[in-house]
N, C-alpha and C. Protein backbone atom coordinates (compact mmCIF):
# COMPACT_ATOMS: atom_id res chain seq x y z
N MET A 1 0.85 -1.20 0.00
CA MET A 1 0.00 0.00 0.00
C MET A 1 0.88 1.25 0.00
N ALA A 2 0.56 2.18 -0.89
CA ALA A 2 1.35 3.41 -0.99
C ALA A 2 1.17 4.26 0.26
N LYS A 3 2.26 4.90 0.67
CA LYS A 3 2.21 5.76 1.86
C LYS A 3 1.39 7.01 1.57
N ASP A 4 0.56 7.39 2.53
CA ASP A 4 -0.26 8.59 2.36
C ASP A 4 0.65 9.82 2.31
N ILE A 5 0.38 10.67 1.33
CA ILE A 5 1.16 11.90 1.18
C ILE A 5 0.96 12.83 2.37
N ILE A 6 -0.28 12.85 2.88
CA ILE A 6 -0.60 13.75 3.98
C ILE A 6 -0.19 13.09 5.30
N PRO A 7 0.65 13.71 6.11
CA PRO A 7 1.13 13.13 7.38
C PRO A 7 -0.01 12.89 8.37
N GLY A 8 0.18 11.92 9.23
CA GLY A 8 -0.83 11.62 10.25
C GLY A 8 -0.59 12.37 11.55
N LYS A 9 0.67 12.56 11.92
CA LYS A 9 0.99 13.24 13.17
C LYS A 9 0.71 14.73 13.05
N ASP A 10 0.17 15.31 14.13
CA ASP A 10 -0.25 16.71 14.08
C ASP A 10 0.88 17.67 13.73
N GLY A 11 2.06 17.48 14.31
CA GLY A 11 3.17 18.39 14.04
C GLY A 11 3.57 18.36 12.57
N ASP A 12 3.71 17.15 12.05
CA ASP A 12 4.07 16.99 10.63
C ASP A 12 2.95 17.50 9.73
N LEU A 13 1.71 17.24 10.13
CA LEU A 13 0.57 17.68 9.33
C LEU A 13 0.50 19.21 9.28
N LYS A 14 0.76 19.85 10.39
CA LYS A 14 0.74 21.32 10.43
C LYS A 14 1.78 21.89 9.47
N ASN A 15 2.97 21.30 9.47
CA ASN A 15 4.02 21.75 8.55
C ASN A 15 3.61 21.52 7.10
N TRP A 16 3.01 20.36 6.82
CA TRP A 16 2.59 20.05 5.46
C TRP A 16 1.52 21.03 4.98
N LEU A 17 0.57 21.35 5.85
CA LEU A 17 -0.50 22.28 5.47
C LEU A 17 0.07 23.64 5.08
N GLU A 18 1.09 24.09 5.79
CA GLU A 18 1.70 25.38 5.47
C GLU A 18 2.42 25.31 4.12
N VAL A 19 3.12 24.20 3.88
CA VAL A 19 3.83 24.04 2.60
C VAL A 19 2.84 24.00 1.45
N PHE A 20 1.76 23.25 1.62
CA PHE A 20 0.78 23.13 0.55
C PHE A 20 0.08 24.46 0.31
N LYS A 21 -0.23 25.19 1.40
CA LYS A 21 -0.92 26.48 1.27
C LYS A 21 -0.07 27.47 0.46
N VAL A 22 1.20 27.52 0.78
CA VAL A 22 2.09 28.43 0.06
C VAL A 22 2.29 27.96 -1.39
N GLY A 23 2.52 26.65 -1.54
CA GLY A 23 2.78 26.11 -2.87
C GLY A 23 1.61 26.26 -3.82
N ILE A 24 0.40 25.99 -3.32
CA ILE A 24 -0.77 26.10 -4.20
C ILE A 24 -1.02 27.55 -4.58
N GLY A 25 -0.63 28.46 -3.67
CA GLY A 25 -0.78 29.89 -3.98
C GLY A 25 0.16 30.33 -5.08
N GLN A 26 1.34 29.74 -5.11
CA GLN A 26 2.34 30.14 -6.09
C GLN A 26 2.17 29.42 -7.43
N LEU A 27 1.69 28.16 -7.39
CA LEU A 27 1.68 27.35 -8.61
C LEU A 27 0.30 26.94 -9.08
N GLY A 28 -0.74 27.27 -8.29
CA GLY A 28 -2.08 26.83 -8.65
C GLY A 28 -2.52 27.25 -10.03
N VAL A 29 -2.25 28.48 -10.37
CA VAL A 29 -2.66 28.99 -11.68
C VAL A 29 -1.98 28.20 -12.79
N ASN A 30 -0.73 27.79 -12.57
CA ASN A 30 0.04 27.07 -13.59
C ASN A 30 -0.54 25.69 -13.89
N VAL A 31 -1.31 25.12 -12.96
CA VAL A 31 -1.87 23.79 -13.18
C VAL A 31 -3.37 23.87 -13.44
N GLY A 32 -3.86 25.06 -13.80
CA GLY A 32 -5.23 25.23 -14.26
C GLY A 32 -6.26 25.50 -13.18
N LEU A 33 -5.84 25.85 -11.98
CA LEU A 33 -6.80 26.17 -10.93
C LEU A 33 -7.23 27.62 -11.02
N SER A 34 -8.49 27.86 -10.69
CA SER A 34 -8.97 29.24 -10.66
C SER A 34 -8.54 29.89 -9.36
N ASN A 35 -8.64 31.21 -9.34
CA ASN A 35 -8.28 31.96 -8.13
C ASN A 35 -9.16 31.55 -6.96
N ALA A 36 -10.47 31.31 -7.25
CA ALA A 36 -11.40 30.91 -6.19
C ALA A 36 -11.01 29.54 -5.62
N GLN A 37 -10.59 28.63 -6.47
CA GLN A 37 -10.18 27.30 -6.01
C GLN A 37 -8.93 27.37 -5.15
N ILE A 38 -8.01 28.22 -5.54
CA ILE A 38 -6.76 28.37 -4.78
C ILE A 38 -7.06 28.94 -3.39
N ILE A 39 -7.89 29.99 -3.36
CA ILE A 39 -8.23 30.62 -2.07
C ILE A 39 -8.97 29.63 -1.17
N ALA A 40 -9.89 28.84 -1.76
CA ALA A 40 -10.64 27.86 -0.98
C ALA A 40 -9.71 26.81 -0.37
N ALA A 41 -8.73 26.35 -1.16
CA ALA A 41 -7.77 25.36 -0.67
C ALA A 41 -6.90 25.95 0.44
N GLN A 42 -6.48 27.20 0.28
CA GLN A 42 -5.66 27.86 1.30
C GLN A 42 -6.45 28.05 2.60
N ASP A 43 -7.75 28.36 2.46
CA ASP A 43 -8.59 28.52 3.65
C ASP A 43 -8.71 27.20 4.42
N LEU A 44 -8.84 26.08 3.69
CA LEU A 44 -8.91 24.78 4.34
C LEU A 44 -7.63 24.48 5.12
N CYS A 45 -6.51 24.78 4.48
CA CYS A 45 -5.22 24.56 5.14
C CYS A 45 -5.10 25.41 6.40
N LEU A 46 -5.46 26.68 6.29
CA LEU A 46 -5.35 27.60 7.41
C LEU A 46 -6.25 27.19 8.56
N GLU A 47 -7.51 26.83 8.26
CA GLU A 47 -8.45 26.46 9.31
C GLU A 47 -8.01 25.18 10.03
N PHE A 48 -7.54 24.21 9.26
CA PHE A 48 -7.10 22.96 9.89
C PHE A 48 -5.86 23.20 10.74
N SER A 49 -4.94 24.00 10.25
CA SER A 49 -3.72 24.31 11.00
C SER A 49 -4.06 25.01 12.32
N GLN A 50 -4.99 25.95 12.25
CA GLN A 50 -5.39 26.66 13.46
C GLN A 50 -6.06 25.71 14.46
N GLN A 51 -6.85 24.76 13.93
CA GLN A 51 -7.52 23.82 14.83
C GLN A 51 -6.53 22.89 15.51
N ILE A 52 -5.48 22.51 14.81
CA ILE A 52 -4.43 21.69 15.42
C ILE A 52 -3.82 22.43 16.60
N THR A 53 -3.56 23.71 16.42
CA THR A 53 -2.99 24.53 17.50
C THR A 53 -3.96 24.63 18.67
N ILE A 54 -5.24 24.88 18.36
CA ILE A 54 -6.26 24.99 19.41
C ILE A 54 -6.39 23.68 20.19
N ALA A 55 -6.39 22.55 19.45
CA ALA A 55 -6.53 21.25 20.10
C ALA A 55 -5.33 20.96 21.00
N HIS A 56 -4.15 21.32 20.54
CA HIS A 56 -2.94 21.11 21.36
C HIS A 56 -2.99 21.94 22.62
N GLN A 57 -3.40 23.20 22.49
CA GLN A 57 -3.50 24.07 23.65
C GLN A 57 -4.54 23.55 24.64
N ALA A 58 -5.64 23.01 24.11
CA ALA A 58 -6.69 22.47 24.97
C ALA A 58 -6.19 21.23 25.72
N LYS A 59 -5.38 20.42 25.04
CA LYS A 59 -4.83 19.22 25.67
C LYS A 59 -3.90 19.58 26.81
N VAL A 60 -3.04 20.58 26.56
CA VAL A 60 -2.11 21.04 27.60
C VAL A 60 -2.89 21.62 28.77
N ALA A 61 -3.92 22.42 28.45
CA ALA A 61 -4.73 23.05 29.50
C ALA A 61 -5.48 21.99 30.30
N ALA A 62 -6.01 20.96 29.61
CA ALA A 62 -6.75 19.90 30.31
C ALA A 62 -5.83 19.15 31.26
N LYS A 63 -4.61 18.87 30.83
CA LYS A 63 -3.65 18.18 31.69
C LYS A 63 -3.35 19.01 32.93
N LYS A 64 -3.20 20.31 32.71
CA LYS A 64 -2.91 21.22 33.83
C LYS A 64 -4.09 21.29 34.79
N GLU A 65 -5.30 21.38 34.24
CA GLU A 65 -6.49 21.49 35.07
C GLU A 65 -6.76 20.20 35.84
N ASN A 66 -6.49 19.05 35.21
CA ASN A 66 -6.68 17.77 35.90
C ASN A 66 -5.69 17.61 37.05
N ALA A 67 -4.46 18.08 36.83
CA ALA A 67 -3.47 18.04 37.91
C ALA A 67 -3.90 18.94 39.06
N LYS A 68 -4.45 20.10 38.72
CA LYS A 68 -4.94 21.03 39.74
C LYS A 68 -6.09 20.41 40.52
N LYS A 69 -7.00 19.75 39.80
CA LYS A 69 -8.14 19.09 40.45
C LYS A 69 -7.65 18.01 41.41
N LYS A 70 -6.65 17.25 40.99
CA LYS A 70 -6.11 16.19 41.83
C LYS A 70 -5.50 16.76 43.11
N SER A 71 -4.78 17.87 42.99
CA SER A 71 -4.15 18.47 44.17
C SER A 71 -5.19 19.01 45.14
N MET A 72 -6.36 19.40 44.61
CA MET A 72 -7.42 19.94 45.47
C MET A 72 -8.01 18.89 46.40
N ARG A 73 -7.82 17.61 46.08
CA ARG A 73 -8.27 16.57 47.00
C ARG A 73 -7.53 16.68 48.33
N THR A 74 -6.35 17.27 48.29
CA THR A 74 -5.59 17.50 49.52
C THR A 74 -5.84 18.90 50.05
N THR A 75 -5.65 19.90 49.20
CA THR A 75 -5.71 21.29 49.67
C THR A 75 -7.11 21.74 50.05
N HIS A 76 -8.13 21.12 49.44
CA HIS A 76 -9.50 21.57 49.69
C HIS A 76 -10.33 20.56 50.51
N LEU A 77 -10.16 19.27 50.22
CA LEU A 77 -10.99 18.30 50.91
C LEU A 77 -10.52 18.02 52.34
N GLN A 78 -9.22 18.06 52.57
CA GLN A 78 -8.75 17.81 53.94
C GLN A 78 -9.30 18.83 54.94
N PRO A 79 -9.25 20.14 54.63
CA PRO A 79 -9.86 21.11 55.56
C PRO A 79 -11.36 20.87 55.75
N LEU A 80 -12.05 20.44 54.67
CA LEU A 80 -13.48 20.16 54.79
C LEU A 80 -13.73 18.94 55.68
N ARG A 81 -12.87 17.93 55.58
CA ARG A 81 -13.01 16.76 56.44
C ARG A 81 -12.84 17.14 57.91
N LYS A 82 -11.86 18.00 58.19
CA LYS A 82 -11.64 18.45 59.56
C LYS A 82 -12.85 19.22 60.07
N LEU A 83 -13.42 20.04 59.18
CA LEU A 83 -14.59 20.81 59.57
C LEU A 83 -15.79 19.90 59.87
N MET A 84 -15.94 18.83 59.07
CA MET A 84 -17.03 17.89 59.30
C MET A 84 -16.89 17.23 60.67
N LYS A 85 -15.66 16.86 61.03
CA LYS A 85 -15.43 16.25 62.34
C LYS A 85 -15.80 17.22 63.45
N ARG A 86 -15.44 18.48 63.26
CA ARG A 86 -15.76 19.49 64.27
C ARG A 86 -17.28 19.65 64.41
N VAL A 87 -17.97 19.65 63.27
CA VAL A 87 -19.43 19.78 63.29
C VAL A 87 -20.06 18.62 64.06
N LYS A 88 -19.56 17.40 63.82
CA LYS A 88 -20.18 16.21 64.39
C LYS A 88 -19.97 16.10 65.91
N ILE A 89 -18.93 16.76 66.44
CA ILE A 89 -18.72 16.69 67.89
C ILE A 89 -19.37 17.87 68.62
N SER A 90 -20.03 18.72 67.84
CA SER A 90 -20.73 19.84 68.46
C SER A 90 -21.89 19.33 69.30
N GLY A 91 -22.11 19.96 70.43
CA GLY A 91 -23.21 19.56 71.30
C GLY A 91 -24.57 19.80 70.68
N ASP A 92 -24.64 20.67 69.70
CA ASP A 92 -25.92 20.98 69.05
C ASP A 92 -26.18 20.13 67.82
N TYR A 93 -25.21 19.26 67.47
CA TYR A 93 -25.34 18.46 66.24
C TYR A 93 -26.30 17.29 66.45
N ASN A 94 -27.05 16.97 65.40
CA ASN A 94 -27.88 15.77 65.41
C ASN A 94 -27.88 15.15 64.00
N PRO A 95 -28.24 13.87 63.89
CA PRO A 95 -28.20 13.18 62.59
C PRO A 95 -29.03 13.86 61.51
N SER A 96 -30.11 14.51 61.89
CA SER A 96 -30.93 15.20 60.90
C SER A 96 -30.13 16.32 60.23
N MET A 97 -29.34 17.04 61.05
CA MET A 97 -28.48 18.08 60.48
C MET A 97 -27.43 17.46 59.55
N GLY A 98 -26.86 16.34 60.00
CA GLY A 98 -25.84 15.67 59.19
C GLY A 98 -26.37 15.24 57.84
N LYS A 99 -27.61 14.73 57.85
CA LYS A 99 -28.23 14.31 56.58
C LYS A 99 -28.45 15.50 55.67
N GLN A 100 -28.88 16.62 56.25
CA GLN A 100 -29.15 17.81 55.46
C GLN A 100 -27.87 18.39 54.85
N MET A 101 -26.75 18.26 55.58
CA MET A 101 -25.47 18.78 55.09
C MET A 101 -24.71 17.76 54.24
N GLY A 102 -25.24 16.53 54.14
CA GLY A 102 -24.58 15.51 53.34
C GLY A 102 -23.32 14.97 53.97
N ILE A 103 -23.27 14.92 55.30
CA ILE A 103 -22.04 14.47 55.97
C ILE A 103 -22.26 13.16 56.73
N ILE A 104 -23.31 12.44 56.36
CA ILE A 104 -23.53 11.11 56.91
C ILE A 104 -23.30 10.11 55.79
N ALA A 105 -22.35 9.19 56.02
CA ALA A 105 -22.01 8.22 54.98
C ALA A 105 -23.18 7.26 54.76
N THR A 106 -23.46 6.98 53.51
CA THR A 106 -24.51 6.02 53.17
C THR A 106 -23.88 4.83 52.45
N ARG A 107 -24.28 3.65 52.85
CA ARG A 107 -23.78 2.45 52.19
C ARG A 107 -24.67 2.08 51.00
N PRO A 108 -24.06 1.67 49.90
CA PRO A 108 -24.88 1.26 48.76
C PRO A 108 -25.71 0.04 49.11
N VAL A 109 -26.91 -0.01 48.59
CA VAL A 109 -27.80 -1.14 48.85
C VAL A 109 -27.29 -2.36 48.08
N PHE A 110 -27.13 -3.46 48.80
CA PHE A 110 -26.65 -4.70 48.18
C PHE A 110 -27.71 -5.28 47.26
N GLN A 111 -27.32 -5.55 46.03
CA GLN A 111 -28.23 -6.13 45.04
C GLN A 111 -27.79 -7.56 44.75
N PRO A 112 -28.43 -8.55 45.36
CA PRO A 112 -27.98 -9.94 45.21
C PRO A 112 -27.87 -10.40 43.76
N HIS A 113 -28.81 -10.00 42.92
CA HIS A 113 -28.81 -10.48 41.54
C HIS A 113 -27.65 -9.90 40.73
N GLU A 114 -27.03 -8.83 41.24
CA GLU A 114 -25.90 -8.22 40.52
C GLU A 114 -24.55 -8.70 41.06
N TYR A 115 -24.57 -9.46 42.16
CA TYR A 115 -23.31 -9.84 42.80
C TYR A 115 -22.51 -10.80 41.91
N LYS A 116 -21.20 -10.53 41.83
CA LYS A 116 -20.29 -11.39 41.09
C LYS A 116 -18.97 -11.44 41.84
N PRO A 117 -18.57 -12.61 42.35
CA PRO A 117 -17.32 -12.68 43.10
C PRO A 117 -16.11 -12.33 42.24
N VAL A 118 -15.11 -11.75 42.88
CA VAL A 118 -13.83 -11.46 42.23
C VAL A 118 -12.77 -12.28 42.95
N LEU A 119 -12.09 -13.14 42.23
CA LEU A 119 -11.12 -14.06 42.82
C LEU A 119 -9.69 -13.70 42.43
N LYS A 120 -8.79 -13.98 43.35
CA LYS A 120 -7.36 -13.85 43.09
C LYS A 120 -6.71 -15.14 43.53
N VAL A 121 -6.02 -15.81 42.62
CA VAL A 121 -5.54 -17.16 42.90
C VAL A 121 -4.02 -17.23 42.81
N GLY A 122 -3.45 -18.12 43.61
CA GLY A 122 -2.01 -18.33 43.58
C GLY A 122 -1.67 -19.58 44.37
N ALA A 123 -0.40 -19.95 44.42
CA ALA A 123 0.05 -21.12 45.15
C ALA A 123 0.57 -20.70 46.51
N SER A 124 0.31 -21.54 47.53
CA SER A 124 0.80 -21.30 48.88
C SER A 124 1.26 -22.63 49.45
N GLY A 125 2.56 -22.90 49.32
CA GLY A 125 3.09 -24.18 49.75
C GLY A 125 2.49 -25.30 48.94
N GLN A 126 1.87 -26.26 49.61
CA GLN A 126 1.22 -27.39 48.94
C GLN A 126 -0.26 -27.13 48.67
N LEU A 127 -0.67 -25.87 48.76
CA LEU A 127 -2.07 -25.53 48.60
C LEU A 127 -2.27 -24.51 47.50
N ILE A 128 -3.48 -24.48 46.94
CA ILE A 128 -3.90 -23.39 46.06
C ILE A 128 -4.64 -22.38 46.94
N LYS A 129 -4.21 -21.14 46.89
CA LYS A 129 -4.80 -20.08 47.72
C LYS A 129 -5.70 -19.21 46.86
N ILE A 130 -6.96 -19.05 47.30
CA ILE A 130 -7.92 -18.23 46.56
C ILE A 130 -8.42 -17.12 47.47
N SER A 131 -8.08 -15.87 47.14
CA SER A 131 -8.52 -14.72 47.92
C SER A 131 -9.78 -14.14 47.31
N PHE A 132 -10.64 -13.56 48.15
CA PHE A 132 -11.91 -13.02 47.66
C PHE A 132 -12.48 -12.02 48.67
N LYS A 133 -13.50 -11.28 48.24
CA LYS A 133 -14.25 -10.39 49.12
C LYS A 133 -15.72 -10.78 49.03
N LYS A 134 -16.38 -10.93 50.20
CA LYS A 134 -17.78 -11.39 50.21
C LYS A 134 -18.74 -10.31 49.73
N LYS A 135 -18.59 -9.10 50.24
CA LYS A 135 -19.43 -7.96 49.83
C LYS A 135 -20.93 -8.25 49.94
N GLY A 136 -21.36 -8.79 51.08
CA GLY A 136 -22.80 -8.94 51.29
C GLY A 136 -23.32 -10.36 51.29
N VAL A 137 -22.55 -11.32 50.76
CA VAL A 137 -23.01 -12.70 50.76
C VAL A 137 -22.51 -13.40 52.03
N GLU A 138 -23.10 -14.54 52.35
CA GLU A 138 -22.72 -15.26 53.56
C GLU A 138 -21.43 -16.05 53.36
N ARG A 139 -21.28 -16.61 52.17
CA ARG A 139 -20.09 -17.41 51.88
C ARG A 139 -19.98 -17.62 50.38
N LEU A 140 -18.88 -18.22 49.95
CA LEU A 140 -18.70 -18.58 48.54
C LEU A 140 -18.57 -20.09 48.42
N GLU A 141 -19.09 -20.62 47.34
CA GLU A 141 -18.84 -22.01 46.98
C GLU A 141 -17.88 -22.02 45.80
N PHE A 142 -16.91 -22.93 45.85
CA PHE A 142 -15.86 -22.98 44.84
C PHE A 142 -15.95 -24.27 44.04
N TYR A 143 -15.72 -24.12 42.74
CA TYR A 143 -15.76 -25.25 41.83
C TYR A 143 -14.48 -25.25 41.00
N GLY A 144 -13.96 -26.45 40.73
CA GLY A 144 -12.73 -26.56 39.97
C GLY A 144 -12.83 -27.54 38.82
N MET A 145 -11.95 -27.32 37.84
CA MET A 145 -11.86 -28.21 36.68
C MET A 145 -10.38 -28.45 36.41
N LYS A 146 -9.97 -29.71 36.38
CA LYS A 146 -8.54 -30.03 36.24
C LYS A 146 -8.18 -30.38 34.81
N ASN A 147 -7.07 -29.77 34.35
CA ASN A 147 -6.47 -30.14 33.07
C ASN A 147 -7.45 -30.23 31.91
N GLY A 148 -8.34 -29.23 31.83
CA GLY A 148 -9.24 -29.17 30.69
C GLY A 148 -10.37 -30.18 30.72
N SER A 149 -10.60 -30.83 31.85
CA SER A 149 -11.74 -31.74 31.97
C SER A 149 -13.02 -30.98 31.67
N GLU A 150 -14.01 -31.67 31.18
CA GLU A 150 -15.28 -31.03 30.83
C GLU A 150 -16.24 -30.96 32.00
N ALA A 151 -15.86 -31.52 33.14
CA ALA A 151 -16.76 -31.59 34.30
C ALA A 151 -16.24 -30.72 35.44
N TRP A 152 -17.10 -29.83 35.95
CA TRP A 152 -16.78 -29.06 37.14
C TRP A 152 -17.03 -29.92 38.37
N GLN A 153 -16.17 -29.75 39.38
CA GLN A 153 -16.37 -30.46 40.64
C GLN A 153 -16.36 -29.48 41.81
N PHE A 154 -17.23 -29.71 42.76
CA PHE A 154 -17.28 -28.88 43.96
C PHE A 154 -16.00 -29.13 44.77
N ILE A 155 -15.28 -28.04 45.12
CA ILE A 155 -14.02 -28.21 45.85
C ILE A 155 -14.05 -27.57 47.23
N GLY A 156 -15.15 -26.91 47.60
CA GLY A 156 -15.23 -26.40 48.96
C GLY A 156 -16.02 -25.13 49.08
N THR A 157 -16.22 -24.70 50.33
CA THR A 157 -16.94 -23.47 50.62
C THR A 157 -16.21 -22.74 51.73
N ARG A 158 -16.36 -21.41 51.75
CA ARG A 158 -15.62 -20.61 52.73
C ARG A 158 -16.34 -19.31 53.00
N SER A 159 -16.41 -18.94 54.30
CA SER A 159 -17.06 -17.69 54.69
C SER A 159 -16.11 -16.52 54.75
N HIS A 160 -14.81 -16.79 54.94
CA HIS A 160 -13.84 -15.72 55.07
C HIS A 160 -12.63 -16.01 54.18
N SER A 161 -12.11 -14.96 53.56
CA SER A 161 -10.96 -15.10 52.67
C SER A 161 -9.69 -15.28 53.51
N PRO A 162 -8.74 -16.10 53.02
CA PRO A 162 -8.74 -16.84 51.76
C PRO A 162 -9.27 -18.26 51.92
N PHE A 163 -9.53 -18.90 50.79
CA PHE A 163 -9.91 -20.31 50.75
C PHE A 163 -8.71 -21.09 50.25
N TYR A 164 -8.36 -22.16 50.96
CA TYR A 164 -7.23 -23.00 50.57
C TYR A 164 -7.74 -24.34 50.06
N PHE A 165 -7.18 -24.77 48.95
CA PHE A 165 -7.60 -26.02 48.32
C PHE A 165 -6.37 -26.86 48.00
N LYS A 166 -6.41 -28.14 48.41
CA LYS A 166 -5.32 -29.06 48.08
C LYS A 166 -5.82 -30.08 47.07
N PRO A 167 -5.31 -30.03 45.85
CA PRO A 167 -5.73 -31.00 44.84
C PRO A 167 -5.40 -32.43 45.29
N PRO A 168 -6.15 -33.41 44.81
CA PRO A 168 -5.86 -34.81 45.15
C PRO A 168 -4.43 -35.17 44.76
N ASP A 169 -3.82 -36.06 45.55
CA ASP A 169 -2.43 -36.45 45.29
C ASP A 169 -2.26 -37.09 43.92
N GLU A 170 -1.19 -36.68 43.26
CA GLU A 170 -0.82 -37.28 41.98
C GLU A 170 0.63 -37.72 42.08
N LEU A 171 1.24 -38.08 40.98
CA LEU A 171 2.64 -38.46 40.98
C LEU A 171 3.51 -37.29 41.38
N THR A 172 4.50 -37.53 42.22
CA THR A 172 5.42 -36.48 42.66
C THR A 172 6.11 -35.86 41.45
N GLY A 173 6.12 -34.54 41.42
CA GLY A 173 6.76 -33.83 40.32
C GLY A 173 5.85 -33.58 39.14
N SER A 174 4.65 -34.12 39.18
CA SER A 174 3.73 -33.90 38.07
C SER A 174 3.01 -32.56 38.25
N GLY A 175 2.72 -31.91 37.16
CA GLY A 175 2.04 -30.62 37.21
C GLY A 175 0.67 -30.71 36.57
N GLU A 176 -0.22 -29.84 37.02
CA GLU A 176 -1.56 -29.83 36.46
C GLU A 176 -2.13 -28.42 36.52
N LYS A 177 -2.99 -28.14 35.57
CA LYS A 177 -3.64 -26.83 35.52
C LYS A 177 -5.04 -26.95 36.09
N TRP A 178 -5.38 -26.01 37.01
CA TRP A 178 -6.72 -25.96 37.58
C TRP A 178 -7.41 -24.68 37.16
N ILE A 179 -8.65 -24.81 36.71
CA ILE A 179 -9.50 -23.66 36.42
C ILE A 179 -10.54 -23.59 37.53
N ILE A 180 -10.70 -22.41 38.12
CA ILE A 180 -11.55 -22.29 39.31
C ILE A 180 -12.56 -21.16 39.12
N LYS A 181 -13.75 -21.37 39.65
CA LYS A 181 -14.78 -20.33 39.67
C LYS A 181 -15.51 -20.42 41.01
N ALA A 182 -16.29 -19.39 41.32
CA ALA A 182 -17.02 -19.37 42.59
C ALA A 182 -18.35 -18.64 42.41
N VAL A 183 -19.27 -18.92 43.33
CA VAL A 183 -20.57 -18.25 43.31
C VAL A 183 -20.93 -17.88 44.75
N GLY A 184 -21.65 -16.77 44.93
CA GLY A 184 -22.06 -16.33 46.24
C GLY A 184 -23.25 -17.14 46.75
N ILE A 185 -23.30 -17.31 48.08
CA ILE A 185 -24.37 -18.09 48.70
C ILE A 185 -25.04 -17.25 49.79
N ILE A 186 -26.37 -17.19 49.76
CA ILE A 186 -27.16 -16.59 50.84
C ILE A 186 -28.29 -17.56 51.18
N LYS A 187 -28.38 -17.92 52.46
CA LYS A 187 -29.40 -18.87 52.94
C LYS A 187 -29.37 -20.15 52.12
N ASP A 188 -28.14 -20.65 51.91
CA ASP A 188 -27.89 -21.93 51.23
C ASP A 188 -28.32 -21.94 49.77
N LYS A 189 -28.54 -20.76 49.18
CA LYS A 189 -28.90 -20.70 47.77
C LYS A 189 -27.91 -19.83 47.00
N PRO A 190 -27.50 -20.25 45.81
CA PRO A 190 -26.60 -19.43 45.00
C PRO A 190 -27.30 -18.17 44.51
N ILE A 191 -26.58 -17.06 44.50
CA ILE A 191 -27.16 -15.80 44.03
C ILE A 191 -26.20 -15.13 43.04
N GLY A 192 -26.74 -14.26 42.22
CA GLY A 192 -25.92 -13.47 41.31
C GLY A 192 -25.27 -14.30 40.23
N GLN A 193 -24.04 -13.91 39.87
CA GLN A 193 -23.31 -14.53 38.77
C GLN A 193 -22.10 -15.29 39.30
N TYR A 194 -21.65 -16.25 38.51
CA TYR A 194 -20.37 -16.89 38.81
C TYR A 194 -19.24 -15.90 38.55
N SER A 195 -18.15 -16.08 39.26
CA SER A 195 -16.97 -15.26 39.03
C SER A 195 -16.39 -15.54 37.66
N ASP A 196 -15.49 -14.67 37.22
CA ASP A 196 -14.70 -14.98 36.04
C ASP A 196 -13.81 -16.18 36.38
N LEU A 197 -13.43 -16.94 35.38
CA LEU A 197 -12.57 -18.10 35.60
C LEU A 197 -11.15 -17.65 35.91
N VAL A 198 -10.53 -18.30 36.89
CA VAL A 198 -9.12 -18.04 37.20
C VAL A 198 -8.36 -19.34 37.04
N THR A 199 -7.12 -19.25 36.61
CA THR A 199 -6.32 -20.43 36.30
C THR A 199 -5.04 -20.42 37.13
N VAL A 200 -4.64 -21.61 37.61
CA VAL A 200 -3.41 -21.72 38.37
C VAL A 200 -2.73 -23.05 38.02
N MET A 201 -1.42 -23.03 37.94
CA MET A 201 -0.65 -24.26 37.72
C MET A 201 -0.23 -24.80 39.08
N TYR A 202 -0.44 -26.10 39.28
CA TYR A 202 -0.12 -26.72 40.56
C TYR A 202 0.86 -27.85 40.33
N LEU A 203 1.93 -27.89 41.14
CA LEU A 203 2.96 -28.91 41.02
C LEU A 203 2.97 -29.79 42.26
N HIS A 204 2.80 -31.09 42.07
CA HIS A 204 2.85 -32.02 43.20
C HIS A 204 4.31 -32.29 43.58
N ASN A 205 4.64 -32.08 44.83
CA ASN A 205 6.00 -32.30 45.32
C ASN A 205 6.13 -33.68 45.98
């Protein structure tokens, strides 16, 4: 495929637009272009070049403003946090005032049908270690599949992270791949979605 004559990078494109604008002005008549066509082409070059400059300036300004916003989490929010603490220890303070000022933390309502466990898996000695966060469920049930088997098997349940699983003994020095998933349980019933599959290599010593 032939290389595009018009550059893709803004800096190179801006230079090309200037070259073309000047060149078409000097040679356009020689190749049969009317004065109106030449002026129209030069206007396109000028407008695009100006927009490249404007876009670059906006990008620089946005970076600067985002950095300023980030710093305000310290310079502005910390004093406000201190003020909130002072308000809450006032003898005249009550929860109704706190609600009106927006200084009472609210917990998001747990939606069982939206729950999806997030697992982190690794090896721990002779065990497979699976870390997780319950986030509203009573416990997790774990299922595993060894070496690409087509059948999932129940490998255990756990109320608190982490969950440790020891695969059945195999030949010493043999390795196997385990694919693991989990589902949340409330009142002995599965809720929400299964976790994404996680994979770990296990070596029998």
